[in-house]
Protein backbone atom coordinates (compact mmCIF):
# COMPACT_ATOMS: atom_id res chain seq x y z
CA MET A 1 2.33 -18.08 -15.03
CA ASP A 2 4.30 -17.65 -18.24
CA LYS A 3 6.81 -20.35 -19.12
CA THR A 4 10.47 -19.72 -18.32
CA SER A 5 12.14 -18.53 -21.51
CA ILE A 6 15.57 -19.90 -22.43
CA LEU A 7 17.83 -18.86 -25.30
CA ILE A 8 20.45 -21.35 -26.56
CA ILE A 9 23.46 -20.04 -28.53
CA ASP A 10 25.69 -22.61 -30.25
CA ASP A 11 27.03 -23.17 -33.77
CA ASP A 12 26.59 -26.94 -33.39
CA LYS A 13 23.18 -27.55 -35.01
CA SER A 14 22.74 -31.04 -33.57
CA MET A 15 23.50 -29.71 -30.07
CA LEU A 16 20.99 -26.90 -30.58
CA GLU A 17 18.20 -29.20 -31.73
CA LEU A 18 18.75 -31.75 -28.96
CA THR A 19 18.92 -29.13 -26.18
CA GLU A 20 15.88 -27.28 -27.50
CA PHE A 21 13.90 -30.53 -27.68
CA HIS A 22 14.76 -31.52 -24.10
CA LEU A 23 13.98 -28.09 -22.68
CA GLN A 24 10.61 -27.91 -24.42
CA ALA A 25 9.81 -31.41 -23.19
CA HIS A 26 10.42 -30.15 -19.63
CA GLY A 27 8.00 -27.24 -20.05
CA TYR A 28 10.44 -24.46 -20.90
CA LYS A 29 10.01 -22.01 -23.77
CA ALA A 30 13.24 -22.60 -25.72
CA THR A 31 14.67 -20.61 -28.62
CA SER A 32 17.93 -21.40 -30.42
CA VAL A 33 20.34 -19.36 -32.58
CA GLU A 34 23.77 -20.05 -34.08
CA THR A 35 25.49 -16.68 -33.70
CA GLY A 36 26.05 -14.04 -31.03
CA GLU A 37 24.63 -11.23 -33.15
CA GLN A 38 21.36 -13.13 -33.67
CA ALA A 39 21.16 -13.69 -29.92
CA LEU A 40 21.71 -10.03 -29.06
CA LYS A 41 18.93 -8.96 -31.45
CA LEU A 42 16.51 -11.38 -29.79
CA VAL A 43 17.48 -10.29 -26.26
CA ALA A 44 17.03 -6.64 -27.22
CA ASN A 45 13.54 -7.47 -28.51
CA ALA A 46 12.37 -9.54 -25.54
CA PRO A 47 14.67 -10.39 -22.60
CA PHE A 48 15.04 -14.09 -21.73
CA ASP A 49 15.06 -15.59 -18.24
CA VAL A 50 18.11 -17.78 -18.95
CA VAL A 51 20.74 -17.83 -21.71
CA LEU A 52 22.89 -20.90 -22.50
CA THR A 53 25.86 -19.88 -24.63
CA ASP A 54 28.93 -21.54 -26.06
CA LEU A 55 32.30 -19.89 -25.43
CA GLN A 56 33.43 -20.26 -29.07
CA LEU A 57 30.98 -18.69 -31.52
CA PRO A 58 31.54 -18.00 -35.25
CA ASP A 59 31.11 -14.21 -34.98
CA LEU A 60 31.57 -13.04 -31.37
CA ASP A 61 33.54 -14.26 -28.41
CA GLY A 62 31.26 -15.88 -25.80
CA ILE A 63 32.59 -13.59 -23.05
CA GLU A 64 31.61 -10.57 -25.15
CA VAL A 65 28.13 -12.04 -25.60
CA VAL A 66 27.78 -12.42 -21.82
CA LYS A 67 28.77 -8.78 -21.25
CA ARG A 68 26.41 -7.41 -23.86
CA VAL A 69 23.46 -9.58 -22.81
CA LYS A 70 23.95 -8.32 -19.23
CA GLU A 71 24.02 -4.73 -20.48
CA ILE A 72 20.75 -5.24 -22.36
CA SER A 73 19.02 -7.40 -19.75
CA PRO A 74 20.74 -7.31 -16.33
CA ASP A 75 18.27 -9.76 -14.77
CA THR A 76 18.93 -12.54 -17.32
CA GLU A 77 20.96 -15.45 -15.87
CA ILE A 78 23.66 -16.86 -18.17
CA VAL A 79 25.24 -20.32 -18.20
CA MET A 80 28.47 -20.59 -20.24
CA ILE A 81 29.10 -23.98 -21.89
CA SER A 82 32.46 -24.69 -23.54
CA GLY A 83 34.53 -27.52 -24.93
CA HIS A 84 37.66 -25.48 -24.24
CA GLY A 85 37.43 -25.20 -20.48
CA SER A 86 40.05 -23.43 -18.46
CA VAL A 87 40.25 -21.69 -15.12
CA SER A 88 40.92 -18.33 -16.79
CA ALA A 89 37.92 -18.73 -19.12
CA ALA A 90 35.68 -19.60 -16.18
CA VAL A 91 36.92 -16.56 -14.24
CA ASP A 92 36.41 -14.26 -17.23
CA ALA A 93 32.89 -15.58 -17.80
CA THR A 94 31.99 -15.08 -14.15
CA LYS A 95 33.40 -11.55 -14.12
CA ALA A 96 31.42 -10.74 -17.25
CA GLY A 97 28.22 -11.77 -15.42
CA ALA A 98 27.74 -15.49 -16.13
CA PHE A 99 25.98 -17.45 -13.41
CA TYR A 100 27.91 -20.67 -14.09
CA PHE A 101 30.62 -22.09 -16.34
CA VAL A 102 30.43 -25.76 -17.37
CA GLU A 103 32.62 -27.84 -19.69
CA LYS A 104 31.44 -30.04 -22.57
CA PRO A 105 30.35 -32.74 -22.76
CA VAL A 106 27.61 -31.89 -20.28
CA GLU A 107 24.99 -34.41 -19.20
CA PHE A 108 21.47 -33.12 -19.77
CA GLU A 109 20.47 -33.94 -16.16
CA GLU A 110 23.36 -31.77 -14.96
CA LEU A 111 22.29 -28.99 -17.31
CA MET A 112 18.71 -29.17 -16.00
CA VAL A 113 19.95 -28.73 -12.43
CA LEU A 114 21.94 -25.66 -13.51
CA ILE A 115 18.93 -24.19 -15.31
CA GLU A 116 16.70 -24.76 -12.28
CA LYS A 117 19.27 -23.03 -10.07
CA ALA A 118 19.54 -20.13 -12.52
CA VAL A 119 15.74 -19.75 -12.60
CA GLU A 120 15.58 -19.88 -8.80
CA ARG A 121 18.32 -17.26 -8.53
CA ARG A 122 16.46 -14.97 -10.94
CA GLN A 123 13.23 -15.39 -8.97
CA GLN A 124 15.03 -14.61 -5.72
CA ALA A 125 16.54 -11.48 -7.25
CA GLU A 126 13.08 -10.38 -8.37
CA GLU A 127 11.63 -11.02 -4.90
CA ILE A 128 14.44 -8.99 -3.30
CA LYS A 129 13.80 -6.16 -5.75
CA GLN A 130 10.09 -6.19 -4.90
CA LEU A 131 10.85 -6.31 -1.17
CA ARG A 132 13.21 -3.36 -1.48
CA GLY A 133 10.49 -1.53 -3.37
CA LYS A 134 8.07 -2.16 -0.51
CA LEU A 135 10.60 -1.16 2.14
CA THR A 136 11.32 2.07 0.31
CA SER A 137 7.70 2.69 -0.69
CA ARG A 138 6.40 6.10 0.20
CA THR A 139 5.27 6.60 3.78
CA SER A 140 4.37 10.17 2.90
CA TYR A 141 2.65 11.74 -0.08
CA TYR A 142 2.38 15.50 -0.40
CA LYS A 143 2.98 15.67 3.39
CA ILE A 144 0.30 13.05 4.12
CA ILE A 145 1.85 10.38 6.36
CA GLY A 146 0.69 6.80 5.97
CA SER A 147 2.10 3.40 5.03
CA SER A 148 -1.06 1.38 5.71
CA LYS A 149 -2.83 -0.25 2.79
CA ALA A 150 -5.78 2.11 3.25
CA MET A 151 -3.57 5.18 2.85
CA GLN A 152 -1.58 3.66 -0.01
CA ASP A 153 -4.91 3.06 -1.78
CA ILE A 154 -5.80 6.72 -1.23
CA PHE A 155 -2.44 7.83 -2.62
CA GLU A 156 -3.04 5.70 -5.74
CA LEU A 157 -6.56 7.10 -6.11
CA VAL A 158 -5.26 10.66 -5.88
CA GLU A 159 -2.63 9.83 -8.52
CA SER A 160 -5.39 8.50 -10.80
CA VAL A 161 -7.87 11.37 -10.51
CA ALA A 162 -5.81 14.47 -9.71
CA GLU A 163 -5.11 15.50 -13.29
CA SER A 164 -8.77 15.32 -14.29
CA ASP A 165 -11.30 18.03 -13.47
CA ALA A 166 -13.67 15.59 -11.78
CA SER A 167 -15.41 16.85 -8.64
CA ILE A 168 -14.06 15.13 -5.52
CA LEU A 169 -15.85 14.47 -2.23
CA ILE A 170 -13.59 13.60 0.72
CA VAL A 171 -15.40 11.90 3.61
CA GLY A 172 -13.83 11.26 6.99
CA GLU A 173 -14.00 11.99 10.69
CA SER A 174 -12.60 15.25 12.05
CA GLY A 175 -8.83 15.16 12.34
CA THR A 176 -8.19 12.49 9.71
CA GLY A 177 -6.44 14.85 7.29
CA LYS A 178 -9.11 15.59 4.68
CA GLU A 179 -7.68 19.04 3.93
CA MET A 180 -4.21 17.58 3.31
CA ILE A 181 -5.68 15.14 0.80
CA ALA A 182 -7.42 18.06 -0.88
CA ASN A 183 -4.04 19.83 -1.03
CA ALA A 184 -2.49 16.77 -2.67
CA ILE A 185 -5.25 16.66 -5.30
CA HIS A 186 -4.79 20.33 -6.20
CA TYR A 187 -0.99 20.36 -6.25
CA LYS A 188 -0.90 17.16 -8.31
CA SER A 189 -3.40 18.57 -10.83
CA ARG A 190 -2.93 20.61 -13.98
CA ARG A 191 -4.34 23.56 -12.01
CA SER A 192 -1.51 23.50 -9.45
CA LYS A 193 -0.02 26.83 -10.58
CA LYS A 194 -3.36 28.56 -10.12
CA PRO A 195 -4.99 29.53 -6.78
CA PHE A 196 -6.31 26.97 -4.30
CA VAL A 197 -9.11 28.70 -2.39
CA LYS A 198 -10.67 27.20 0.74
CA ILE A 199 -13.85 27.96 2.66
CA ASN A 200 -15.19 26.25 5.77
CA CYS A 201 -18.95 26.29 5.42
CA SER A 202 -19.44 25.79 9.18
CA ALA A 203 -17.16 28.68 10.17
CA LEU A 204 -19.07 31.52 8.48
CA PRO A 205 -22.47 32.98 9.47
CA ARG A 206 -25.19 31.66 7.18
CA GLU A 207 -25.99 35.13 5.82
CA LEU A 208 -22.37 35.71 4.71
CA ILE A 209 -21.63 32.45 2.92
CA GLU A 210 -23.39 33.44 -0.32
CA SER A 211 -21.56 36.77 -0.44
CA GLU A 212 -18.22 35.09 0.33
CA LEU A 213 -18.78 32.46 -2.33
CA PHE A 214 -20.21 34.56 -5.19
CA GLY A 215 -19.10 38.11 -4.28
CA HIS A 216 -21.26 41.22 -4.39
CA THR A 217 -21.53 44.69 -5.86
CA LYS A 218 -21.58 47.95 -3.96
CA GLY A 219 -25.01 48.51 -2.40
CA ALA A 220 -26.18 44.93 -2.93
CA PHE A 221 -27.17 44.82 0.76
CA THR A 222 -26.75 46.90 3.89
CA GLY A 223 -23.05 47.19 4.66
CA ALA A 224 -21.89 46.44 1.08
CA THR A 225 -19.88 49.64 0.70
CA MET A 226 -17.77 48.40 -2.22
CA ASP A 227 -17.59 45.72 -4.86
CA LYS A 228 -16.18 42.41 -3.69
CA ILE A 229 -15.08 39.43 -5.75
CA GLY A 230 -16.10 36.08 -4.31
CA LEU A 231 -14.13 32.91 -3.67
CA ILE A 232 -15.29 31.39 -6.96
CA SER A 233 -13.69 34.32 -8.79
CA GLN A 234 -10.54 34.05 -6.64
CA ALA A 235 -10.27 30.36 -7.59
CA ASP A 236 -10.38 31.16 -11.32
CA GLY A 237 -8.33 28.54 -13.16
CA GLY A 238 -7.56 26.76 -9.89
CA SER A 239 -9.41 24.72 -7.28
CA LEU A 240 -12.06 25.49 -4.67
CA LEU A 241 -12.37 23.52 -1.43
CA LEU A 242 -15.75 23.60 0.30
CA ASP A 243 -14.99 22.11 3.70
CA GLU A 244 -17.90 20.77 5.76
CA ILE A 245 -20.19 21.13 2.77
CA GLY A 246 -23.00 19.49 4.73
CA GLU A 247 -23.20 22.72 6.76
CA MET A 248 -23.89 24.89 3.70
CA PRO A 249 -27.37 26.50 3.97
CA THR A 250 -29.88 24.41 2.00
CA GLU A 251 -31.22 27.52 0.25
CA LEU A 252 -27.75 28.17 -1.18
CA GLN A 253 -27.20 24.63 -2.43
CA PRO A 254 -29.38 24.97 -5.61
CA LYS A 255 -27.31 28.02 -6.62
CA LEU A 256 -24.07 26.05 -6.22
CA LEU A 257 -25.59 23.19 -8.20
CA ARG A 258 -26.46 25.61 -11.02
CA VAL A 259 -22.89 26.94 -11.08
CA LEU A 260 -21.52 23.40 -11.37
CA GLN A 261 -23.95 22.56 -14.17
CA GLU A 262 -23.79 25.76 -16.22
CA ARG A 263 -20.32 27.03 -15.26
CA PHE A 264 -21.36 30.65 -14.71
CA TYR A 265 -22.71 32.64 -11.76
CA TYR A 266 -23.86 36.12 -10.70
CA ARG A 267 -22.46 38.31 -7.98
CA LEU A 268 -25.05 39.54 -5.48
CA GLY A 269 -26.61 42.70 -6.85
CA SER A 270 -25.37 42.11 -10.41
CA GLU A 271 -27.03 40.81 -13.56
CA ARG A 272 -23.76 40.25 -15.37
CA ALA A 273 -22.83 36.59 -15.72
CA GLN A 274 -19.35 35.61 -14.53
CA GLU A 275 -17.50 32.58 -15.89
CA ALA A 276 -16.86 29.84 -13.32
CA ASP A 277 -13.59 28.06 -14.09
CA PHE A 278 -12.59 26.02 -11.07
CA ARG A 279 -12.24 22.42 -9.91
CA LEU A 280 -14.47 21.64 -6.93
CA ILE A 281 -13.21 19.60 -3.99
CA SER A 282 -15.65 19.09 -1.13
CA ALA A 283 -15.15 17.58 2.31
CA THR A 284 -17.42 16.46 5.11
CA ASN A 285 -17.10 14.73 8.47
CA ARG A 286 -20.70 13.55 8.28
CA SER A 287 -22.06 10.53 6.48
CA PRO A 288 -23.46 11.87 3.16
CA ALA A 289 -26.37 9.44 3.40
CA GLU A 290 -27.29 10.74 6.87
CA SER A 291 -26.92 14.36 5.73
CA ILE A 292 -29.31 13.70 2.84
CA ARG A 293 -31.75 11.89 5.13
CA ASP A 294 -31.64 14.75 7.66
CA GLY A 295 -32.22 17.34 4.95
CA ARG A 296 -28.81 18.97 5.40
CA LEU A 297 -27.55 18.03 1.92
CA ARG A 298 -29.59 18.03 -1.29
CA GLU A 299 -29.42 14.71 -3.07
CA ASP A 300 -28.99 16.29 -6.52
CA LEU A 301 -26.04 18.35 -5.26
CA TYR A 302 -24.51 15.27 -3.65
CA TYR A 303 -24.42 13.43 -6.98
CA ARG A 304 -22.89 16.48 -8.68
CA ILE A 305 -20.05 16.91 -6.14
CA ASN A 306 -19.43 13.19 -5.80
CA THR A 307 -17.92 12.16 -9.13
CA ILE A 308 -15.10 10.60 -7.10
CA GLU A 309 -15.50 9.87 -3.39
CA ILE A 310 -12.44 9.39 -1.17
CA ARG A 311 -13.13 7.89 2.24
CA VAL A 312 -10.40 8.55 4.81
CA PRO A 313 -10.35 5.87 7.53
CA PRO A 314 -10.03 6.94 11.17
CA LEU A 315 -6.66 6.38 12.84
CA ARG A 316 -8.02 3.50 14.94
CA GLU A 317 -8.55 1.55 11.70
CA ARG A 318 -4.98 2.06 10.47
CA SER A 319 -2.82 1.58 13.55
CA GLU A 320 0.12 0.71 11.26
CA ASP A 321 0.43 4.45 10.61
CA ILE A 322 0.76 5.47 14.26
CA GLN A 323 4.51 4.89 14.42
CA HIS A 324 5.22 6.80 11.18
CA LEU A 325 2.99 9.68 12.29
CA ALA A 326 4.51 9.81 15.77
CA GLU A 327 8.06 9.88 14.36
CA HIS A 328 7.10 12.59 11.87
CA PHE A 329 5.53 14.80 14.56
CA LEU A 330 8.46 14.14 16.91
CA SER A 331 10.92 15.38 14.29
CA GLU A 332 8.72 18.36 13.45
CA PHE A 333 8.23 19.58 17.04
CA ALA A 334 11.76 18.83 18.22
CA LYS A 335 12.96 21.15 15.48
CA LYS A 336 10.24 23.76 16.10
CA TYR A 337 10.93 24.00 19.84
CA ASN A 338 14.67 23.31 19.57
CA ARG A 339 14.41 20.28 21.86
CA PRO A 340 17.03 17.45 21.83
CA VAL A 341 14.34 14.74 21.60
CA THR A 342 15.30 11.92 19.24
CA GLY A 343 13.09 8.93 19.96
CA ILE A 344 10.10 7.28 21.65
CA SER A 345 10.43 4.48 24.21
CA GLN A 346 8.76 1.10 23.87
CA GLY A 347 6.46 1.85 26.80
CA ALA A 348 5.40 5.13 25.20
CA TYR A 349 4.69 3.35 21.92
CA GLU A 350 2.53 0.83 23.77
CA ARG A 351 0.43 3.66 25.14
CA LEU A 352 0.10 5.13 21.67
CA PHE A 353 -0.92 1.80 20.15
CA ASN A 354 -3.40 1.00 22.91
CA HIS A 355 -5.28 4.31 22.58
CA SER A 356 -8.34 4.47 20.31
CA TRP A 357 -7.64 8.05 19.05
CA PRO A 358 -11.16 9.52 18.85
CA GLY A 359 -9.53 12.77 17.69
CA ASN A 360 -7.59 10.91 15.00
CA VAL A 361 -4.33 12.29 13.58
CA ARG A 362 -4.92 15.73 15.07
CA GLU A 363 -5.15 14.23 18.57
CA LEU A 364 -1.94 12.24 18.02
CA GLN A 365 -0.22 15.39 16.77
CA HIS A 366 -1.15 17.28 19.93
CA ALA A 367 -0.10 14.35 22.13
CA ILE A 368 3.38 14.24 20.55
CA GLU A 369 3.73 18.04 20.68
CA ARG A 370 2.95 17.98 24.40
CA ALA A 371 5.32 15.04 24.94
CA VAL A 372 8.19 16.86 23.20
CA LEU A 373 7.63 19.89 25.43
CA LEU A 374 7.42 17.79 28.63
CA CYS A 375 10.22 15.34 27.80
CA LYS A 376 13.17 15.72 30.19
CA ASN A 377 15.69 13.71 28.16
CA SER A 378 16.28 12.57 24.58
CA ILE A 379 13.68 9.78 24.64
CA ILE A 380 9.95 10.28 25.19
CA ASP A 381 8.95 7.89 27.94
CA GLU A 382 5.55 6.59 28.92
CA GLY A 383 5.03 9.36 31.47
CA ALA A 384 5.26 12.08 28.83
CA ILE A 385 2.34 10.60 26.83
CA HIS A 386 -0.72 12.21 28.41
CA ILE A 387 -3.57 10.06 27.12
CA GLU A 388 -5.75 7.47 28.78
CA ALA A 389 -4.61 4.00 27.65
CA GLY A 390 -7.45 2.05 26.12
CA GLU A 391 -9.84 5.01 26.35
CA ASN A 392 -13.02 4.54 24.33
CA ALA A 393 -11.98 0.98 23.58
CA ALA A 394 -13.83 -2.07 24.83
CA PRO A 395 -11.75 -4.35 27.08
CA ALA A 396 -10.40 -7.46 25.40
CA PRO A 397 -12.18 -10.69 26.39
CA ALA A 398 -10.46 -13.11 28.71
CA PRO A 399 -8.21 -15.56 26.87
CA PRO A 400 -9.86 -18.92 26.20
CA PRO A 401 -8.36 -22.17 27.51
CA LEU A 402 -5.91 -23.80 25.13
CA ALA A 403 -8.23 -26.69 24.40
CA ALA A 404 -11.00 -24.28 23.40
CA ALA A 405 -8.50 -22.32 21.36
CA ALA A 406 -7.58 -25.50 19.52
CA ARG A 407 -11.19 -26.09 18.58
CA ALA A 408 -11.51 -22.47 17.45
CA ALA A 409 -8.32 -22.79 15.43
CA ALA A 410 -9.54 -25.89 13.66
CA ALA A 411 -12.87 -24.26 12.91
CA ALA A 412 -11.13 -21.15 11.63
CA ALA A 413 -9.14 -23.26 9.21
CA SER A 414 -12.50 -23.93 7.50
CA ASP A 415 -11.42 -27.17 5.91
CA PRO A 416 -13.58 -30.29 5.68
CA HIS A 417 -10.55 -32.39 6.57
CA LEU A 418 -9.99 -30.48 9.84
CA PRO A 419 -13.36 -30.63 11.64
CA GLY A 420 -14.16 -28.10 14.34
CA GLU A 421 -14.62 -30.66 17.13
CA MET A 422 -11.38 -31.91 18.67
CA PRO A 423 -11.15 -35.37 20.20
CA GLU A 424 -11.57 -35.79 23.94
CA SER A 425 -7.78 -36.11 24.41
CA SER A 426 -7.39 -32.39 23.64
CA GLN A 427 -9.84 -31.49 26.39
CA THR A 428 -7.97 -33.49 29.00
CA ASP A 429 -4.55 -32.28 27.83
CA PRO A 430 -4.87 -28.47 27.53
CA SER A 431 -1.32 -27.87 26.30
CA PHE A 432 0.31 -27.02 22.98
CA GLU A 433 1.49 -30.65 22.78
CA GLY A 434 -2.08 -31.84 23.31
CA ILE A 435 -3.40 -29.44 20.68
CA GLY A 436 -0.75 -30.67 18.25
CA ARG A 437 -1.67 -34.31 18.84
CA ALA A 438 -5.37 -33.49 18.53
CA ILE A 439 -4.90 -31.81 15.16
CA VAL A 440 -2.62 -34.49 13.74
CA GLU A 441 -5.02 -37.22 14.81
CA LYS A 442 -7.68 -35.64 12.62
CA VAL A 443 -5.50 -35.13 9.54
CA PRO A 444 -6.40 -37.78 6.91
CA ASP A 445 -3.60 -40.05 5.72
CA PRO A 446 -2.78 -39.15 2.08
CA GLY A 447 -1.76 -42.77 1.55
CA ASN A 448 -5.34 -43.85 2.19
CA GLY A 449 -6.79 -41.67 -0.55
CA GLY A 450 -7.17 -38.51 1.50
CA ALA A 451 -6.19 -35.11 0.18
CA GLN A 452 -2.75 -33.85 1.20
CA LEU A 453 -3.00 -30.72 3.35
CA ASP A 454 -0.60 -27.94 4.17
CA VAL A 455 -1.37 -28.35 7.87
CA PHE A 456 1.07 -25.73 9.16
CA SER A 457 -0.36 -23.10 6.83
CA LYS A 458 -3.88 -23.91 8.03
CA ILE A 459 -2.82 -23.67 11.67
CA GLU A 460 -0.88 -20.45 11.10
CA LYS A 461 -3.90 -18.82 9.48
CA ALA A 462 -6.20 -19.99 12.28
CA VAL A 463 -3.89 -18.82 15.07
CA VAL A 464 -3.29 -15.38 13.53
CA ASN A 465 -7.02 -14.98 12.94
CA ALA A 466 -7.78 -15.97 16.55
CA ALA A 467 -5.17 -13.50 17.85
CA LEU A 468 -6.69 -10.67 15.81
CA GLU A 469 -10.17 -11.55 17.08
CA ARG A 470 -8.96 -11.64 20.67
CA THR A 471 -7.27 -8.24 20.35
CA ARG A 472 -10.19 -6.82 18.36
CA GLY A 473 -8.01 -6.19 15.34
CA ASN A 474 -5.17 -4.47 17.24
CA LYS A 475 -2.17 -5.77 15.29
CA GLN A 476 0.39 -4.48 17.80
CA ALA A 477 -1.36 -6.35 20.62
CA ALA A 478 -1.77 -9.46 18.45
CA ALA A 479 1.95 -9.44 17.61
CA ARG A 480 2.85 -9.20 21.33
CA LEU A 481 0.39 -11.98 22.16
CA LEU A 482 1.98 -14.32 19.62
CA GLY A 483 5.56 -13.25 20.40
CA LEU A 484 6.13 -11.87 16.90
CA TYR A 485 7.60 -8.71 15.46
CA ARG A 486 4.87 -6.70 13.78
CA PRO A 487 6.36 -6.93 10.26
CA ARG A 488 6.20 -10.71 10.49
CA LEU A 489 2.58 -10.57 11.63
CA TYR A 490 1.73 -8.21 8.76
CA SER A 491 3.29 -10.62 6.26
CA MET A 492 1.15 -13.46 7.70
CA ILE A 493 -1.98 -11.32 7.48
CA LYS A 494 -1.21 -10.55 3.83
CA LYS A 495 -0.24 -14.16 3.06
CA HIS A 496 -3.58 -15.51 4.32
CA ASN A 497 -5.65 -12.55 3.08
CA LEU A 498 -7.03 -11.87 6.56
C-alpha cells in the first residue's frame, strides 16, 4: 500500500523540519510548506490524506485554508494547530471542516495519536463510501436482473465489448436470458439507432432459413412471386441475432461464414452482390464443443462467431439473484393484472430458494406470475408457489456429529499448525465446548517459538466451508444452518475467497 501522505503548513521553519523528520521516521510521506497559497497549489495537484496547519499563517487565515482544502479535497482530514487557542477558534475550525483543534506546544506523541485517528477516520469514510457503492450497485442492467458476481461480471463484459463490432456468442441453458443480454449488447453499441433483427434458427423450416436470411428475387424458386429482402439486408447498419445457431442447417453454414469473412452476399436467384453491414450476435443452449463433435456446428464457423463468448450461468448457480428476480416479477405482474400484491412471505421465499429451477429465469417468472394471480391477499404465501420444493436436487447428507465436524473444520483450515486429527477428548465430548478445547489444545504457543495464528479466522473459514458443503452450495440454506443473515454469510464467503 502507498504511504499515508501528510502536508504540514507552518511559518516556523524549525517546527516544520522537526515535524517532517518525525513523521518520515514513522513511515509517513511528509511534505512541508510555509504559506497557505503554497499548500493549496499542492493539494490541487495531488490530494493529501492528512493536513496539519497552523492557525496563523503569513498570507491566509488558517480557517480559510481549512475551507479551501475541503473544497478541493473533501476526503482530506485536517488537524489545526495553534499557539493562540480559544474556544471560538476551535469552533470555527471544526465548522470549516477540521477534524481536530490542538493548542501549541503539542507533544509529538500526542500529535501522532491525532494523526493515527485522522488516518483511521479517513479509511472508515472510504470503506463506507465503498459499501454504499456496493449497496447501490446495479441489480439490473438493460432490464437484465442480477446482483450475483456472475451477472455483475457479465454486465462488465457487455460494457467492455458492446461498442466494438466483435462477433459475440452467448451460451446458456434455455430460459437464462440470452436474448436480453443480446439486447443489452445492441442497445449499448454504436449501432443502437439502427435495426436489431432476430431469427430463431430452430423455429423456421430448414428450406426457408436461407431465403429468410439472404432474401430472394422473384422466380428464384417455386412460390417466390416477388422480390424479398432478407434479414441481413434488414439489419443493415445494425445487429443480427442468430438464436439457436447450432440448429442452422450445416449446408447453410459455409455461406454464412463467407458473408462474415467477405462482408457481401447474394440473394437467392440473383448474381448481384449485396453489402453486408451488420454486427453478428449468436446464441445457443447447447455446448459448442458438443455441437461441433456431433456435426451440428462447423468448427470454422464457430471460431468466426466466437470472438467474444459470454456464458450465462443457470439460475441454480446464482441463487443470490432469486430474490431480486422474484421481486421484479412480482412488481411487473401486480401492475399488469392490477393485483394488490406487495410482498412475498418467508415461507414462500424458502420454497423459491430450495427449488433447483431447471427452467431457469423463465420458470421463476411463470411461478411468480401464477402466484400473483392466485394470491388472495397482499402477501404471496407458501401455498401460492406451485413448484416442488427440492425438485431435481439431491437430498442433503445427514449432518455429521460435532466431533467429526471439528475434525473436518480443522482439516479445512489447511494449516500445518492445526492438524486434521483431533485429540481423543473431542471424541468423548461432542459439544461446541469440547471442540473449542480440542482446537486450542493443538494451537502452538507463540511464546515457545511457534507461529502466531488467527485462530478465529481459520475456524470461521472452516465452518462456513463445511456449511456450504453440507448444503451443496445453497447459500440460503447454509445461512439458516449457521443462524446468520445471508448478507453476513456472503461477506464471509468473500472474505475467505470461498
